[in-house]
Amino acid sequence: MVRAKRIERALSTLLSTTNMPSAVEAFLQSVDKDGSGTIDTKELLAALGESGLDEKLVQEFINEHDKDHDGQLNLKELKDFLASCGCL
């Protein structure tokens, strides 16, 4: 859970805005470099940039919140995570 808190803080910083649902969609589109409509480990790691998070931690985070088990986060999964931590 401590590890998830680090990612939660990093995502909250990236998405700090008054219109969170639109910001989440815009975030997903900007991070989704391959246009798949989902965010994979490498895309999220690149988006988090200099946050100090490593690939293993980001992969664990995606695995924990990837409800359809495709190895990526889609818009619903990302919004569900943000809602569960009170960020949305």
PDB file of N, CA and C in Angstrom:
ATOM      1  N   MET A   1       0.821  -1.200   0.000  1.00  0.00           N
ATOM      2  CA  MET A   1       0.000   0.000   0.000  1.00  0.00           C
ATOM      3  C   MET A   1       0.859   1.255   0.000  1.00  0.00           C
ATOM      4  N   VAL A   2       1.999   1.189   0.679  1.00  0.00           N
ATOM      5  CA  VAL A   2       2.904   2.339   0.710  1.00  0.00           C
ATOM      6  C   VAL A   2       3.375   2.647  -0.699  1.00  0.00           C
ATOM      7  N   ARG A   3       3.650   1.613  -1.472  1.00  0.00           N
ATOM      8  CA  ARG A   3       4.093   1.795  -2.849  1.00  0.00           C
ATOM      9  C   ARG A   3       3.006   2.464  -3.684  1.00  0.00           C
ATOM     10  N   ALA A   4       1.768   2.030  -3.507  1.00  0.00           N
ATOM     11  CA  ALA A   4       0.661   2.635  -4.249  1.00  0.00           C
ATOM     12  C   ALA A   4       0.507   4.102  -3.887  1.00  0.00           C
ATOM     13  N   LYS A   5       0.785   4.459  -2.657  1.00  0.00           N
ATOM     14  CA  LYS A   5       0.685   5.860  -2.222  1.00  0.00           C
ATOM     15  C   LYS A   5       1.652   6.738  -3.005  1.00  0.00           C
ATOM     16  N   ARG A   6       2.843   6.227  -3.318  1.00  0.00           N
ATOM     17  CA  ARG A   6       3.806   7.007  -4.099  1.00  0.00           C
ATOM     18  C   ARG A   6       3.260   7.279  -5.493  1.00  0.00           C
ATOM     19  N   ILE A   7       2.649   6.287  -6.110  1.00  0.00           N
ATOM     20  CA  ILE A   7       2.077   6.467  -7.445  1.00  0.00           C
ATOM     21  C   ILE A   7       0.854   7.366  -7.354  1.00  0.00           C
ATOM     22  N   GLU A   8       0.047   7.174  -6.313  1.00  0.00           N
ATOM     23  CA  GLU A   8      -1.126   8.029  -6.098  1.00  0.00           C
ATOM     24  C   GLU A   8      -0.714   9.497  -6.026  1.00  0.00           C
ATOM     25  N   ARG A   9       0.324   9.797  -5.254  1.00  0.00           N
ATOM     26  CA  ARG A   9       0.796  11.184  -5.133  1.00  0.00           C
ATOM     27  C   ARG A   9       1.291  11.710  -6.474  1.00  0.00           C
ATOM     28  N   ALA A  10       2.036  10.895  -7.202  1.00  0.00           N
ATOM     29  CA  ALA A  10       2.567  11.323  -8.498  1.00  0.00           C
ATOM     30  C   ALA A  10       1.444  11.593  -9.482  1.00  0.00           C
ATOM     31  N   LEU A  11       0.448  10.709  -9.543  1.00  0.00           N
ATOM     32  CA  LEU A  11      -0.684  10.907 -10.452  1.00  0.00           C
ATOM     33  C   LEU A  11      -1.519  12.104 -10.028  1.00  0.00           C
ATOM     34  N   SER A  12      -1.716  12.286  -8.742  1.00  0.00           N
ATOM     35  CA  SER A  12      -2.485  13.435  -8.256  1.00  0.00           C
ATOM     36  C   SER A  12      -1.830  14.737  -8.667  1.00  0.00           C
ATOM     37  N   THR A  13      -0.515  14.777  -8.587  1.00  0.00           N
ATOM     38  CA  THR A  13       0.216  15.974  -8.991  1.00  0.00           C
ATOM     39  C   THR A  13       0.027  16.234 -10.478  1.00  0.00           C
ATOM     40  N   LEU A  14       0.117  15.187 -11.276  1.00  0.00           N
ATOM     41  CA  LEU A  14      -0.052  15.341 -12.721  1.00  0.00           C
ATOM     42  C   LEU A  14      -1.474  15.763 -13.096  1.00  0.00           C
ATOM     43  N   LEU A  15      -2.452  15.334 -12.302  1.00  0.00           N
ATOM     44  CA  LEU A  15      -3.848  15.554 -12.647  1.00  0.00           C
ATOM     45  C   LEU A  15      -4.516  16.631 -11.798  1.00  0.00           C
ATOM     46  N   SER A  16      -3.742  17.462 -11.145  1.00  0.00           N
ATOM     47  CA  SER A  16      -4.342  18.477 -10.276  1.00  0.00           C
ATOM     48  C   SER A  16      -5.046  19.537 -11.120  1.00  0.00           C
ATOM     49  N   THR A  17      -6.367  19.460 -11.110  1.00  0.00           N
ATOM     50  CA  THR A  17      -7.215  20.360 -11.870  1.00  0.00           C
ATOM     51  C   THR A  17      -8.615  20.318 -11.282  1.00  0.00           C
ATOM     52  N   THR A  18      -9.451  21.292 -11.615  1.00  0.00           N
ATOM     53  CA  THR A  18     -10.810  21.298 -11.079  1.00  0.00           C
ATOM     54  C   THR A  18     -11.746  20.374 -11.849  1.00  0.00           C
ATOM     55  N   ASN A  19     -11.447  20.061 -13.074  1.00  0.00           N
ATOM     56  CA  ASN A  19     -12.301  19.197 -13.887  1.00  0.00           C
ATOM     57  C   ASN A  19     -11.627  17.843 -14.071  1.00  0.00           C
ATOM     58  N   MET A  20     -11.585  17.059 -13.011  1.00  0.00           N
ATOM     59  CA  MET A  20     -10.845  15.809 -13.009  1.00  0.00           C
ATOM     60  C   MET A  20     -11.247  14.818 -14.091  1.00  0.00           C
ATOM     61  N   PRO A  21     -12.548  14.539 -14.320  1.00  0.00           N
ATOM     62  CA  PRO A  21     -12.863  13.547 -15.354  1.00  0.00           C
ATOM     63  C   PRO A  21     -12.270  13.915 -16.721  1.00  0.00           C
ATOM     64  N   SER A  22     -12.372  15.163 -17.108  1.00  0.00           N
ATOM     65  CA  SER A  22     -11.787  15.582 -18.383  1.00  0.00           C
ATOM     66  C   SER A  22     -10.273  15.497 -18.335  1.00  0.00           C
ATOM     67  N   ALA A  23      -9.695  15.839 -17.189  1.00  0.00           N
ATOM     68  CA  ALA A  23      -8.242  15.774 -17.040  1.00  0.00           C
ATOM     69  C   ALA A  23      -7.744  14.334 -17.141  1.00  0.00           C
ATOM     70  N   VAL A  24      -8.505  13.392 -16.594  1.00  0.00           N
ATOM     71  CA  VAL A  24      -8.110  11.985 -16.659  1.00  0.00           C
ATOM     72  C   VAL A  24      -8.123  11.515 -18.105  1.00  0.00           C
ATOM     73  N   GLU A  25      -9.154  11.864 -18.848  1.00  0.00           N
ATOM     74  CA  GLU A  25      -9.220  11.491 -20.264  1.00  0.00           C
ATOM     75  C   GLU A  25      -8.075  12.118 -21.054  1.00  0.00           C
ATOM     76  N   ALA A  26      -7.809  13.387 -20.807  1.00  0.00           N
ATOM     77  CA  ALA A  26      -6.705  14.077 -21.489  1.00  0.00           C
ATOM     78  C   ALA A  26      -5.369  13.455 -21.115  1.00  0.00           C
ATOM     79  N   PHE A  27      -5.227  13.101 -19.829  1.00  0.00           N
ATOM     80  CA  PHE A  27      -4.002  12.455 -19.366  1.00  0.00           C
ATOM     81  C   PHE A  27      -3.798  11.135 -20.095  1.00  0.00           C
ATOM     82  N   LEU A  28      -4.845  10.309 -20.153  1.00  0.00           N
ATOM     83  CA  LEU A  28      -4.722   9.022 -20.824  1.00  0.00           C
ATOM     84  C   LEU A  28      -4.330   9.224 -22.285  1.00  0.00           C
ATOM     85  N   GLN A  29      -4.963  10.155 -22.963  1.00  0.00           N
ATOM     86  CA  GLN A  29      -4.647  10.398 -24.369  1.00  0.00           C
ATOM     87  C   GLN A  29      -3.208  10.875 -24.555  1.00  0.00           C
ATOM     88  N   SER A  30      -2.736  11.721 -23.641  1.00  0.00           N
ATOM     89  CA  SER A  30      -1.375  12.239 -23.795  1.00  0.00           C
ATOM     90  C   SER A  30      -0.316  11.193 -23.454  1.00  0.00           C
ATOM     91  N   VAL A  31      -0.634  10.282 -22.550  1.00  0.00           N
ATOM     92  CA  VAL A  31       0.322   9.254 -22.130  1.00  0.00           C
ATOM     93  C   VAL A  31       0.307   8.060 -23.082  1.00  0.00           C
ATOM     94  N   ASP A  32      -0.821   7.806 -23.702  1.00  0.00           N
ATOM     95  CA  ASP A  32      -1.017   6.658 -24.590  1.00  0.00           C
ATOM     96  C   ASP A  32      -0.303   6.895 -25.926  1.00  0.00           C
ATOM     97  N   LYS A  33       0.977   6.673 -25.935  1.00  0.00           N
ATOM     98  CA  LYS A  33       1.803   6.984 -27.110  1.00  0.00           C
ATOM     99  C   LYS A  33       1.521   6.098 -28.311  1.00  0.00           C
ATOM    100  N   ASP A  34       1.040   4.874 -28.080  1.00  0.00           N
ATOM    101  CA  ASP A  34       0.787   3.985 -29.211  1.00  0.00           C
ATOM    102  C   ASP A  34      -0.658   4.045 -29.705  1.00  0.00           C
ATOM    103  N   GLY A  35      -1.482   4.889 -29.080  1.00  0.00           N
ATOM    104  CA  GLY A  35      -2.861   5.070 -29.527  1.00  0.00           C
ATOM    105  C   GLY A  35      -3.784   3.900 -29.255  1.00  0.00           C
ATOM    106  N   SER A  36      -3.414   3.036 -28.306  1.00  0.00           N
ATOM    107  CA  SER A  36      -4.204   1.837 -28.019  1.00  0.00           C
ATOM    108  C   SER A  36      -5.435   2.121 -27.159  1.00  0.00           C
ATOM    109  N   GLY A  37      -5.480   3.310 -26.549  1.00  0.00           N
ATOM    110  CA  GLY A  37      -6.575   3.612 -25.635  1.00  0.00           C
ATOM    111  C   GLY A  37      -6.317   3.119 -24.228  1.00  0.00           C
ATOM    112  N   THR A  38      -5.106   2.627 -24.010  1.00  0.00           N
ATOM    113  CA  THR A  38      -4.700   2.133 -22.700  1.00  0.00           C
ATOM    114  C   THR A  38      -3.302   2.647 -22.384  1.00  0.00           C
ATOM    115  N   ILE A  39      -2.914   2.498 -21.105  1.00  0.00           N
ATOM    116  CA  ILE A  39      -1.578   2.899 -20.668  1.00  0.00           C
ATOM    117  C   ILE A  39      -0.847   1.652 -20.189  1.00  0.00           C
ATOM    118  N   ASP A  40       0.313   1.392 -20.774  1.00  0.00           N
ATOM    119  CA  ASP A  40       1.115   0.264 -20.313  1.00  0.00           C
ATOM    120  C   ASP A  40       2.215   0.765 -19.371  1.00  0.00           C
ATOM    121  N   THR A  41       3.012  -0.137 -18.881  1.00  0.00           N
ATOM    122  CA  THR A  41       4.050   0.196 -17.908  1.00  0.00           C
ATOM    123  C   THR A  41       5.013   1.251 -18.435  1.00  0.00           C
ATOM    124  N   LYS A  42       5.506   1.059 -19.634  1.00  0.00           N
ATOM    125  CA  LYS A  42       6.487   2.000 -20.188  1.00  0.00           C
ATOM    126  C   LYS A  42       5.881   3.383 -20.385  1.00  0.00           C
ATOM    127  N   GLU A  43       4.629   3.438 -20.832  1.00  0.00           N
ATOM    128  CA  GLU A  43       3.966   4.733 -21.034  1.00  0.00           C
ATOM    129  C   GLU A  43       3.762   5.459 -19.705  1.00  0.00           C
ATOM    130  N   LEU A  44       3.303   4.723 -18.678  1.00  0.00           N
ATOM    131  CA  LEU A  44       3.089   5.354 -17.381  1.00  0.00           C
ATOM    132  C   LEU A  44       4.411   5.771 -16.748  1.00  0.00           C
ATOM    133  N   LEU A  45       5.414   4.949 -16.873  1.00  0.00           N
ATOM    134  CA  LEU A  45       6.731   5.276 -16.335  1.00  0.00           C
ATOM    135  C   LEU A  45       7.271   6.545 -16.996  1.00  0.00           C
ATOM    136  N   ALA A  46       7.110   6.661 -18.306  1.00  0.00           N
ATOM    137  CA  ALA A  46       7.558   7.866 -19.018  1.00  0.00           C
ATOM    138  C   ALA A  46       6.775   9.089 -18.554  1.00  0.00           C
ATOM    139  N   ALA A  47       5.469   8.931 -18.329  1.00  0.00           N
ATOM    140  CA  ALA A  47       4.632  10.054 -17.899  1.00  0.00           C
ATOM    141  C   ALA A  47       5.005  10.522 -16.499  1.00  0.00           C
ATOM    142  N   LEU A  48       5.387   9.587 -15.650  1.00  0.00           N
ATOM    143  CA  LEU A  48       5.747   9.936 -14.278  1.00  0.00           C
ATOM    144  C   LEU A  48       7.156  10.520 -14.204  1.00  0.00           C
ATOM    145  N   GLY A  49       7.897  10.394 -15.301  1.00  0.00           N
ATOM    146  CA  GLY A  49       9.183  11.047 -15.462  1.00  0.00           C
ATOM    147  C   GLY A  49      10.125  10.941 -14.293  1.00  0.00           C
ATOM    148  N   GLU A  50      10.429  12.061 -13.706  1.00  0.00           N
ATOM    149  CA  GLU A  50      11.450  12.139 -12.669  1.00  0.00           C
ATOM    150  C   GLU A  50      10.888  11.913 -11.265  1.00  0.00           C
ATOM    151  N   SER A  51       9.836  11.140 -11.155  1.00  0.00           N
ATOM    152  CA  SER A  51       9.212  10.885  -9.858  1.00  0.00           C
ATOM    153  C   SER A  51      10.025   9.920  -8.995  1.00  0.00           C
ATOM    154  N   GLY A  52      11.000   9.256  -9.603  1.00  0.00           N
ATOM    155  CA  GLY A  52      11.830   8.315  -8.851  1.00  0.00           C
ATOM    156  C   GLY A  52      11.232   6.923  -8.755  1.00  0.00           C
ATOM    157  N   LEU A  53      10.137   6.681  -9.460  1.00  0.00           N
ATOM    158  CA  LEU A  53       9.506   5.366  -9.427  1.00  0.00           C
ATOM    159  C   LEU A  53      10.191   4.454 -10.435  1.00  0.00           C
ATOM    160  N   ASP A  54      10.379   3.191 -10.058  1.00  0.00           N
ATOM    161  CA  ASP A  54      11.033   2.277 -10.991  1.00  0.00           C
ATOM    162  C   ASP A  54       9.997   1.436 -11.741  1.00  0.00           C
ATOM    163  N   GLU A  55      10.469   0.764 -12.780  1.00  0.00           N
ATOM    164  CA  GLU A  55       9.578  -0.005 -13.645  1.00  0.00           C
ATOM    165  C   GLU A  55       8.846  -1.111 -12.898  1.00  0.00           C
ATOM    166  N   LYS A  56       9.523  -1.773 -11.967  1.00  0.00           N
ATOM    167  CA  LYS A  56       8.890  -2.851 -11.202  1.00  0.00           C
ATOM    168  C   LYS A  56       7.712  -2.321 -10.390  1.00  0.00           C
ATOM    169  N   LEU A  57       7.881  -1.194  -9.749  1.00  0.00           N
ATOM    170  CA  LEU A  57       6.815  -0.601  -8.946  1.00  0.00           C
ATOM    171  C   LEU A  57       5.628  -0.200  -9.822  1.00  0.00           C
ATOM    172  N   VAL A  58       5.907   0.403 -10.965  1.00  0.00           N
ATOM    173  CA  VAL A  58       4.836   0.806 -11.878  1.00  0.00           C
ATOM    174  C   VAL A  58       4.101  -0.424 -12.403  1.00  0.00           C
ATOM    175  N   GLN A  59       4.834  -1.494 -12.723  1.00  0.00           N
ATOM    176  CA  GLN A  59       4.206  -2.731 -13.193  1.00  0.00           C
ATOM    177  C   GLN A  59       3.320  -3.332 -12.103  1.00  0.00           C
ATOM    178  N   GLU A  60       3.786  -3.325 -10.861  1.00  0.00           N
ATOM    179  CA  GLU A  60       2.969  -3.831  -9.745  1.00  0.00           C
ATOM    180  C   GLU A  60       1.689  -3.009  -9.606  1.00  0.00           C
ATOM    181  N   PHE A  61       1.817  -1.701  -9.745  1.00  0.00           N
ATOM    182  CA  PHE A  61       0.656  -0.820  -9.668  1.00  0.00           C
ATOM    183  C   PHE A  61      -0.355  -1.156 -10.772  1.00  0.00           C
ATOM    184  N   ILE A  62       0.130  -1.303 -11.992  1.00  0.00           N
ATOM    185  CA  ILE A  62      -0.769  -1.639 -13.100  1.00  0.00           C
ATOM    186  C   ILE A  62      -1.417  -2.993 -12.851  1.00  0.00           C
ATOM    187  N   ASN A  63      -0.646  -3.973 -12.437  1.00  0.00           N
ATOM    188  CA  ASN A  63      -1.213  -5.303 -12.170  1.00  0.00           C
ATOM    189  C   ASN A  63      -2.313  -5.246 -11.114  1.00  0.00           C
ATOM    190  N   GLU A  64      -2.116  -4.429 -10.097  1.00  0.00           N
ATOM    191  CA  GLU A  64      -3.097  -4.321  -9.019  1.00  0.00           C
ATOM    192  C   GLU A  64      -4.406  -3.684  -9.484  1.00  0.00           C
ATOM    193  N   HIS A  65      -4.344  -2.761 -10.414  1.00  0.00           N
ATOM    194  CA  HIS A  65      -5.528  -2.015 -10.828  1.00  0.00           C
ATOM    195  C   HIS A  65      -6.059  -2.408 -12.205  1.00  0.00           C
ATOM    196  N   ASP A  66      -5.428  -3.363 -12.841  1.00  0.00           N
ATOM    197  CA  ASP A  66      -5.809  -3.856 -14.159  1.00  0.00           C
ATOM    198  C   ASP A  66      -6.896  -4.920 -14.011  1.00  0.00           C
ATOM    199  N   LYS A  67      -8.137  -4.494 -13.997  1.00  0.00           N
ATOM    200  CA  LYS A  67      -9.252  -5.400 -13.699  1.00  0.00           C
ATOM    201  C   LYS A  67      -9.543  -6.405 -14.814  1.00  0.00           C
ATOM    202  N   ASP A  68      -9.219  -6.062 -16.062  1.00  0.00           N
ATOM    203  CA  ASP A  68      -9.470  -7.019 -17.140  1.00  0.00           C
ATOM    204  C   ASP A  68      -8.231  -7.851 -17.486  1.00  0.00           C
ATOM    205  N   HIS A  69      -7.162  -7.663 -16.718  1.00  0.00           N
ATOM    206  CA  HIS A  69      -5.945  -8.471 -16.802  1.00  0.00           C
ATOM    207  C   HIS A  69      -5.308  -8.494 -18.193  1.00  0.00           C
ATOM    208  N   ASP A  70      -5.291  -7.318 -18.848  1.00  0.00           N
ATOM    209  CA  ASP A  70      -4.627  -7.240 -20.149  1.00  0.00           C
ATOM    210  C   ASP A  70      -3.237  -6.609 -20.060  1.00  0.00           C
ATOM    211  N   GLY A  71      -2.799  -6.317 -18.827  1.00  0.00           N
ATOM    212  CA  GLY A  71      -1.471  -5.767 -18.630  1.00  0.00           C
ATOM    213  C   GLY A  71      -1.381  -4.263 -18.830  1.00  0.00           C
ATOM    214  N   GLN A  72      -2.537  -3.616 -18.960  1.00  0.00           N
ATOM    215  CA  GLN A  72      -2.586  -2.182 -19.205  1.00  0.00           C
ATOM    216  C   GLN A  72      -3.760  -1.581 -18.436  1.00  0.00           C
ATOM    217  N   LEU A  73      -3.741  -0.249 -18.275  1.00  0.00           N
ATOM    218  CA  LEU A  73      -4.872   0.437 -17.653  1.00  0.00           C
ATOM    219  C   LEU A  73      -5.676   1.153 -18.725  1.00  0.00           C
ATOM    220  N   ASN A  74      -6.978   0.887 -18.738  1.00  0.00           N
ATOM    221  CA  ASN A  74      -7.853   1.629 -19.638  1.00  0.00           C
ATOM    222  C   ASN A  74      -8.465   2.800 -18.871  1.00  0.00           C
ATOM    223  N   LEU A  75      -9.284   3.590 -19.518  1.00  0.00           N
ATOM    224  CA  LEU A  75      -9.854   4.780 -18.886  1.00  0.00           C
ATOM    225  C   LEU A  75     -10.667   4.426 -17.645  1.00  0.00           C
ATOM    226  N   LYS A  76     -11.496   3.402 -17.733  1.00  0.00           N
ATOM    227  CA  LYS A  76     -12.322   3.021 -16.581  1.00  0.00           C
ATOM    228  C   LYS A  76     -11.452   2.588 -15.402  1.00  0.00           C
ATOM    229  N   GLU A  77     -10.437   1.794 -15.669  1.00  0.00           N
ATOM    230  CA  GLU A  77      -9.563   1.324 -14.595  1.00  0.00           C
ATOM    231  C   GLU A  77      -8.819   2.490 -13.947  1.00  0.00           C
ATOM    232  N   LEU A  78      -8.369   3.431 -14.760  1.00  0.00           N
ATOM    233  CA  LEU A  78      -7.679   4.608 -14.230  1.00  0.00           C
ATOM    234  C   LEU A  78      -8.624   5.458 -13.389  1.00  0.00           C
ATOM    235  N   LYS A  79      -9.839   5.683 -13.881  1.00  0.00           N
ATOM    236  CA  LYS A  79     -10.824   6.453 -13.115  1.00  0.00           C
ATOM    237  C   LYS A  79     -11.224   5.723 -11.836  1.00  0.00           C
ATOM    238  N   ASP A  80     -11.381   4.409 -11.907  1.00  0.00           N
ATOM    239  CA  ASP A  80     -11.727   3.632 -10.711  1.00  0.00           C
ATOM    240  C   ASP A  80     -10.642   3.763  -9.643  1.00  0.00           C
ATOM    241  N   PHE A  81      -9.375   3.686 -10.063  1.00  0.00           N
ATOM    242  CA  PHE A  81      -8.289   3.859  -9.103  1.00  0.00           C
ATOM    243  C   PHE A  81      -8.345   5.248  -8.473  1.00  0.00           C
ATOM    244  N   LEU A  82      -8.472   6.265  -9.291  1.00  0.00           N
ATOM    245  CA  LEU A  82      -8.477   7.638  -8.778  1.00  0.00           C
ATOM    246  C   LEU A  82      -9.670   7.878  -7.855  1.00  0.00           C
ATOM    247  N   ALA A  83     -10.815   7.291  -8.176  1.00  0.00           N
ATOM    248  CA  ALA A  83     -11.990   7.414  -7.303  1.00  0.00           C
ATOM    249  C   ALA A  83     -11.751   6.695  -5.976  1.00  0.00           C
ATOM    250  N   SER A  84     -11.109   5.539  -6.026  1.00  0.00           N
ATOM    251  CA  SER A  84     -10.887   4.755  -4.804  1.00  0.00           C
ATOM    252  C   SER A  84      -9.933   5.445  -3.836  1.00  0.00           C
ATOM    253  N   CYS A  85      -9.070   6.278  -4.349  1.00  0.00           N
ATOM    254  CA  CYS A  85      -8.123   6.966  -3.455  1.00  0.00           C
ATOM    255  C   CYS A  85      -8.556   8.400  -3.165  1.00  0.00           C
ATOM    256  N   GLY A  86      -9.761   8.758  -3.608  1.00  0.00           N
ATOM    257  CA  GLY A  86     -10.291  10.084  -3.316  1.00  0.00           C
ATOM    258  C   GLY A  86      -9.742  11.188  -4.196  1.00  0.00           C
ATOM    259  N   CYS A  87      -9.125  10.814  -5.287  1.00  0.00           N
ATOM    260  CA  CYS A  87      -8.536  11.809  -6.200  1.00  0.00           C
ATOM    261  C   CYS A  87      -9.517  12.275  -7.266  1.00  0.00           C
ATOM    262  N   LEU A  88     -10.645  11.627  -7.375  1.00  0.00           N
ATOM    263  CA  LEU A  88     -11.610  11.938  -8.433  1.00  0.00           C
ATOM    264  C   LEU A  88     -12.981  12.198  -7.837  1.00  0.00           C
TER     265      LEU A  88
END
